[in-house]
C-alpha atoms as a PDB file:
ATOM      1  CA  MET A   1      17.889 144.526  56.342  1.00  0.00           C
ATOM      2  CA  ASN A   2      19.260 146.822  53.570  1.00  0.00           C
ATOM      3  CA  SER A   3      19.228 144.320  50.282  1.00  0.00           C
ATOM      4  CA  ASN A   4      22.812 145.165  49.630  1.00  0.00           C
ATOM      5  CA  LEU A   5      24.067 143.256  52.781  1.00  0.00           C
ATOM      6  CA  LYS A   6      21.830 140.280  52.266  1.00  0.00           C
ATOM      7  CA  TYR A   7      22.844 137.156  50.083  1.00  0.00           C
ATOM      8  CA  TYR A   8      23.735 138.229  46.558  1.00  0.00           C
ATOM      9  CA  LYS A   9      25.786 135.555  45.107  1.00  0.00           C
ATOM     10  CA  ILE A  10      27.805 132.140  45.518  1.00  0.00           C
ATOM     11  CA  TYR A  11      31.165 132.260  47.562  1.00  0.00           C
ATOM     12  CA  ILE A  12      34.039 131.400  45.805  1.00  0.00           C
ATOM     13  CA  SER A  13      37.558 132.225  47.691  1.00  0.00           C
ATOM     14  CA  SER A  14      39.380 132.760  44.437  1.00  0.00           C
ATOM     15  CA  GLU A  15      37.092 135.795  43.191  1.00  0.00           C
ATOM     16  CA  SER A  16      38.866 139.197  43.496  1.00  0.00           C
ATOM     17  CA  ASN A  17      36.279 141.062  45.128  1.00  0.00           C
ATOM     18  CA  ILE A  18      35.635 138.646  48.111  1.00  0.00           C
ATOM     19  CA  LYS A  19      36.765 140.156  51.475  1.00  0.00           C
ATOM     20  CA  GLY A  20      38.610 137.679  53.920  1.00  0.00           C
ATOM     21  CA  TYR A  21      38.283 134.160  53.886  1.00  0.00           C
ATOM     22  CA  VAL A  22      35.686 131.844  55.207  1.00  0.00           C
ATOM     23  CA  TYR A  23      36.137 127.378  55.880  1.00  0.00           C
ATOM     24  CA  ILE A  24      32.479 127.037  54.352  1.00  0.00           C
ATOM     25  CA  ASN A  25      32.837 123.608  54.793  1.00  0.00           C
ATOM     26  CA  ILE A  26      33.096 123.851  58.565  1.00  0.00           C
ATOM     27  CA  PHE A  27      29.492 125.439  58.413  1.00  0.00           C
ATOM     28  CA  GLY A  28      28.450 122.854  56.191  1.00  0.00           C
ATOM     29  CA  LYS A  29      29.172 119.849  58.096  1.00  0.00           C
ATOM     30  CA  ILE A  30      28.017 121.479  61.397  1.00  0.00           C
ATOM     31  CA  ASN A  31      24.188 122.425  59.547  1.00  0.00           C
ATOM     32  CA  ILE A  32      23.023 123.375  55.953  1.00  0.00           C
ATOM     33  CA  ASP A  33      21.105 125.798  57.262  1.00  0.00           C
ATOM     34  CA  PHE A  34      24.553 127.723  57.936  1.00  0.00           C
ATOM     35  CA  ASP A  35      25.212 127.952  54.213  1.00  0.00           C
ATOM     36  CA  ILE A  36      27.647 130.470  53.287  1.00  0.00           C
ATOM     37  CA  GLU A  37      27.615 133.244  50.355  1.00  0.00           C
ATOM     38  CA  THR A  38      28.656 136.685  49.600  1.00  0.00           C
ATOM     39  CA  ASN A  39      26.761 139.929  49.751  1.00  0.00           C
ATOM     40  CA  LYS A  40      26.922 142.607  46.921  1.00  0.00           C
ATOM     41  CA  TYR A  41      29.941 144.055  48.632  1.00  0.00           C
ATOM     42  CA  GLY A  42      31.935 140.841  48.393  1.00  0.00           C
ATOM     43  CA  TYR A  43      31.442 140.190  52.219  1.00  0.00           C
ATOM     44  CA  VAL A  44      30.541 136.752  54.078  1.00  0.00           C
ATOM     45  CA  VAL A  45      26.796 136.483  55.186  1.00  0.00           C
ATOM     46  CA  PHE A  46      24.501 133.593  55.930  1.00  0.00           C
ATOM     47  CA  LYS A  47      22.688 132.473  52.837  1.00  0.00           C
ATOM     48  CA  LYS A  48      19.223 132.699  54.910  1.00  0.00           C
ATOM     49  CA  THR A  49      19.461 134.533  58.178  1.00  0.00           C
ATOM     50  CA  THR A  50      16.263 133.899  59.905  1.00  0.00           C
ATOM     51  CA  LYS A  51      17.258 130.100  59.240  1.00  0.00           C
ATOM     52  CA  VAL A  52      20.552 130.621  60.987  1.00  0.00           C
ATOM     53  CA  LEU A  53      19.439 132.292  64.048  1.00  0.00           C
ATOM     54  CA  ARG A  54      16.298 129.471  64.187  1.00  0.00           C
ATOM     55  CA  THR A  55      19.072 126.327  64.261  1.00  0.00           C
ATOM     56  CA  LEU A  56      21.332 128.544  66.561  1.00  0.00           C
ATOM     57  CA  LYS A  57      18.640 128.505  68.984  1.00  0.00           C
ATOM     58  CA  LYS A  58      17.188 125.246  68.933  1.00  0.00           C
ATOM     59  CA  ASN A  59      20.856 123.560  68.687  1.00  0.00           C
ATOM     60  CA  TYR A  60      22.627 125.686  71.010  1.00  0.00           C
ATOM     61  CA  SER A  61      19.800 126.681  73.812  1.00  0.00           C
ATOM     62  CA  LYS A  62      21.824 125.474  76.831  1.00  0.00           C
ATOM     63  CA  GLY A  63      24.908 127.799  75.939  1.00  0.00           C
ATOM     64  CA  ILE A  64      22.616 130.721  74.836  1.00  0.00           C
ATOM     65  CA  LYS A  65      20.481 130.555  78.049  1.00  0.00           C
ATOM     66  CA  LEU A  66      23.834 130.689  80.140  1.00  0.00           C
ATOM     67  CA  ILE A  67      25.305 133.844  78.130  1.00  0.00           C
ATOM     68  CA  GLN A  68      21.978 135.476  78.608  1.00  0.00           C
ATOM     69  CA  LYS A  69      21.443 134.759  82.454  1.00  0.00           C
ATOM     70  CA  GLU A  70      25.170 135.558  82.977  1.00  0.00           C
ATOM     71  CA  PHE A  71      24.990 138.895  81.470  1.00  0.00           C
ATOM     72  CA  ASN A  72      21.343 139.558  81.998  1.00  0.00           C
ATOM     73  CA  LEU A  73      20.599 139.984  78.217  1.00  0.00           C
ATOM     74  CA  LEU A  74      17.323 139.936  76.673  1.00  0.00           C
ATOM     75  CA  PRO A  75      16.145 136.889  74.327  1.00  0.00           C
ATOM     76  CA  LEU A  76      18.778 136.361  71.216  1.00  0.00           C
ATOM     77  CA  ASN A  77      17.407 137.890  68.230  1.00  0.00           C
ATOM     78  CA  ASN A  78      18.542 139.838  64.904  1.00  0.00           C
ATOM     79  CA  PHE A  79      19.173 142.814  66.896  1.00  0.00           C
ATOM     80  CA  ASN A  80      21.549 141.688  69.766  1.00  0.00           C
ATOM     81  CA  PHE A  81      23.277 138.790  68.174  1.00  0.00           C
ATOM     82  CA  ARG A  82      26.375 141.002  68.302  1.00  0.00           C
ATOM     83  CA  GLU A  83      26.247 141.245  71.988  1.00  0.00           C
ATOM     84  CA  TYR A  84      25.863 137.269  72.340  1.00  0.00           C
ATOM     85  CA  LYS A  85      28.798 136.815  70.365  1.00  0.00           C
ATOM     86  CA  THR A  86      30.994 139.392  72.280  1.00  0.00           C
ATOM     87  CA  TYR A  87      30.128 137.669  75.552  1.00  0.00           C
ATOM     88  CA  GLY A  88      30.295 134.232  74.204  1.00  0.00           C
ATOM     89  CA  TRP A  89      33.899 134.568  73.735  1.00  0.00           C
END
């Protein structure tokens, strides 16, 4: 992954370079692995993407398997998570 897109600094919604708004407390209450930060461009990202995917697969495996089966997808990974996001709606 491009290093500019990865975690860069702490998310502070009042900073002028932050793009959008995220209720970070919601993610933290779900699991500490879903820690939210910003990248170099001010977009919100997960701080540790590998932990997020691992925790997501562990905690939501039933739903992920249903989506995978229904839409004939490959197992969830870093490259096809957008398909799961789309079909999960």
